[in-house]
């Protein structure tokens, strides 16, 4: 068995691509529009996996995030009850600072130098983990409070 992807349903394709690609740094590797089914699937890779995932079949790619955009409006409930997506980052403090500069709320700051949570525009909880060992706890992070749900 091989893990292939996680699929999340989104309400606004442009807003979600802005969040996942422009803010979080993922890259689109494949897109599929299905006129009969009235949906678009967009597969995103973490930036370290993107080049190796281009032009491969879905079963040959490293794990991806599949965004499913249904053309007919639907109100998706959940986000938090979905669980979460998780990504390793090289520097948790730098990543969180860059996300904040781009207008992303850090719902659970990396007080421990290891873990933070943010949410997508559709309410999907995303865990960011420090690659390797935790960084030394530093201000302003170590005294920063949680914001909203994560």
Protein backbone atom coordinates (compact mmCIF):
# COMPACT_ATOMS: atom_id res chain seq x y z
CA UNK A 1 0.00 0.00 0.00
CA UNK A 2 1.19 3.53 -0.80
CA UNK A 3 -0.23 6.81 0.51
CA UNK A 4 -1.29 8.93 -2.49
CA UNK A 5 -3.09 12.12 -1.49
CA UNK A 6 -5.49 13.90 0.81
CA UNK A 7 -8.57 15.46 -0.78
CA UNK A 8 -10.30 18.54 0.62
CA UNK A 9 -13.32 20.26 -0.85
CA UNK A 10 -12.99 24.00 -1.35
CA UNK A 11 -15.49 26.80 -1.99
CA UNK A 12 -13.31 29.22 -3.96
CA UNK A 13 -10.56 27.92 -6.25
CA UNK A 14 -8.67 31.21 -6.62
CA UNK A 15 -8.73 31.95 -2.88
CA UNK A 16 -7.56 28.44 -2.04
CA UNK A 17 -4.76 28.49 -4.63
CA UNK A 18 -3.62 31.86 -3.28
CA UNK A 19 -3.49 30.39 0.24
CA UNK A 20 -1.84 27.05 -0.55
CA UNK A 21 0.53 28.27 -3.30
CA UNK A 22 1.29 31.96 -2.68
CA UNK A 23 1.19 31.89 1.10
CA UNK A 24 2.06 28.33 2.09
CA UNK A 25 4.46 27.76 -0.83
CA UNK A 26 2.95 24.64 -2.43
CA UNK A 27 3.05 24.13 -6.19
CA UNK A 28 0.39 22.95 -8.61
CA UNK A 29 1.52 19.78 -10.38
CA UNK A 30 -1.67 18.61 -12.10
CA UNK A 31 -5.16 19.91 -12.87
CA UNK A 32 -8.21 18.06 -14.13
CA UNK A 33 -11.45 19.76 -15.22
CA UNK A 34 -14.46 17.45 -15.54
CA UNK A 35 -17.29 19.18 -17.41
CA UNK A 36 -19.68 16.25 -17.04
CA UNK A 37 -19.15 16.03 -13.29
CA UNK A 38 -18.89 19.83 -12.99
CA UNK A 39 -15.74 19.85 -10.86
CA UNK A 40 -12.04 20.68 -11.00
CA UNK A 41 -9.33 18.73 -9.20
CA UNK A 42 -6.03 20.47 -8.56
CA UNK A 43 -3.11 18.49 -7.15
CA UNK A 44 -0.54 20.40 -5.12
CA UNK A 45 2.87 19.28 -3.93
CA UNK A 46 5.03 20.62 -1.16
CA UNK A 47 7.70 22.71 -2.89
CA UNK A 48 10.36 20.07 -2.22
CA UNK A 49 8.31 17.43 -4.06
CA UNK A 50 6.88 19.46 -6.93
CA UNK A 51 9.51 18.89 -9.61
CA UNK A 52 9.57 15.13 -9.07
CA UNK A 53 5.75 15.04 -9.27
CA UNK A 54 5.30 16.79 -12.62
CA UNK A 55 4.08 14.66 -15.52
CA UNK A 56 3.62 11.54 -13.42
CA UNK A 57 0.53 9.42 -12.99
CA UNK A 58 -1.35 9.84 -9.73
CA UNK A 59 0.06 6.56 -8.43
CA UNK A 60 3.67 7.53 -9.22
CA UNK A 61 3.65 10.88 -7.38
CA UNK A 62 4.80 11.47 -3.85
CA UNK A 63 1.81 12.39 -1.62
CA UNK A 64 -0.15 15.40 -2.80
CA UNK A 65 -2.97 17.60 -1.62
CA UNK A 66 -5.99 17.31 -3.90
CA UNK A 67 -8.23 20.38 -3.94
CA UNK A 68 -11.68 19.52 -5.24
CA UNK A 69 -13.69 22.49 -6.47
CA UNK A 70 -17.31 21.70 -7.32
CA UNK A 71 -18.61 24.22 -9.85
CA UNK A 72 -22.07 24.32 -8.29
CA UNK A 73 -22.01 26.11 -4.92
CA UNK A 74 -22.18 23.95 -1.81
CA UNK A 75 -21.81 24.84 1.87
CA UNK A 76 -19.16 22.55 3.35
CA UNK A 77 -19.24 22.14 7.10
CA UNK A 78 -16.34 20.93 9.14
CA UNK A 79 -12.71 21.77 8.72
CA UNK A 80 -11.73 20.92 12.27
CA UNK A 81 -13.62 17.61 12.24
CA UNK A 82 -11.68 16.66 9.08
CA UNK A 83 -8.56 16.44 11.23
CA UNK A 84 -5.61 18.29 9.74
CA UNK A 85 -2.93 18.38 7.10
CA UNK A 86 0.66 18.35 8.36
CA UNK A 87 3.84 19.70 6.77
CA UNK A 88 7.44 19.83 7.99
CA UNK A 89 9.19 23.20 7.64
CA UNK A 90 12.88 24.10 7.90
CA UNK A 91 12.37 26.96 10.38
CA UNK A 92 9.05 27.16 12.22
CA UNK A 93 9.62 30.76 13.36
CA UNK A 94 10.56 32.03 9.90
CA UNK A 95 7.63 30.19 8.29
CA UNK A 96 5.12 31.59 10.79
CA UNK A 97 6.54 35.12 10.42
CA UNK A 98 6.26 34.93 6.64
CA UNK A 99 2.69 33.62 6.86
CA UNK A 100 1.71 36.43 9.24
CA UNK A 101 3.21 38.99 6.83
CA UNK A 102 0.93 37.51 4.16
CA UNK A 103 -2.14 37.93 6.37
CA UNK A 104 -2.43 34.36 7.68
CA UNK A 105 -3.50 33.99 11.32
CA UNK A 106 -1.29 31.72 13.41
CA UNK A 107 -4.00 29.99 15.45
CA UNK A 108 -1.58 28.00 17.60
CA UNK A 109 1.79 29.77 17.72
CA UNK A 110 5.02 27.72 17.90
CA UNK A 111 5.57 28.39 21.61
CA UNK A 112 7.54 25.16 21.92
CA UNK A 113 9.73 25.83 18.86
CA UNK A 114 8.22 22.79 17.19
CA UNK A 115 4.51 23.01 16.32
CA UNK A 116 2.10 25.61 14.97
CA UNK A 117 -1.39 25.51 13.46
CA UNK A 118 -3.04 27.67 10.82
CA UNK A 119 -6.33 27.31 8.91
CA UNK A 120 -7.10 27.45 5.20
CA UNK A 121 -9.82 29.73 3.80
CA UNK A 122 -12.16 26.69 4.01
CA UNK A 123 -11.38 26.05 7.68
CA UNK A 124 -9.02 23.11 7.15
CA UNK A 125 -6.60 22.89 10.07
CA UNK A 126 -2.95 22.74 8.98
CA UNK A 127 -0.18 21.66 11.33
CA UNK A 128 3.33 22.99 10.72
CA UNK A 129 6.12 21.00 12.38
CA UNK A 130 9.76 21.96 12.76
CA UNK A 131 11.88 19.63 10.66
CA UNK A 132 14.12 17.71 13.08
CA UNK A 133 14.45 18.82 16.69
CA UNK A 134 12.52 21.70 18.22
CA UNK A 135 14.08 25.15 18.07
CA UNK A 136 14.84 26.97 21.31
CA UNK A 137 11.61 28.71 22.49
CA UNK A 138 11.92 32.46 21.86
CA UNK A 139 9.79 35.58 22.05
CA UNK A 140 7.40 36.70 20.80
CA UNK A 141 6.33 33.13 20.10
CA UNK A 142 6.75 31.55 23.55
CA UNK A 143 4.29 33.94 25.21
CA UNK A 144 1.86 34.29 22.28
CA UNK A 145 -1.71 33.09 22.93
CA UNK A 146 -3.84 30.91 20.72
CA UNK A 147 -6.21 32.65 18.32
CA UNK A 148 -9.53 31.04 17.41
CA UNK A 149 -9.72 27.32 16.78
CA UNK A 150 -6.96 25.14 15.45
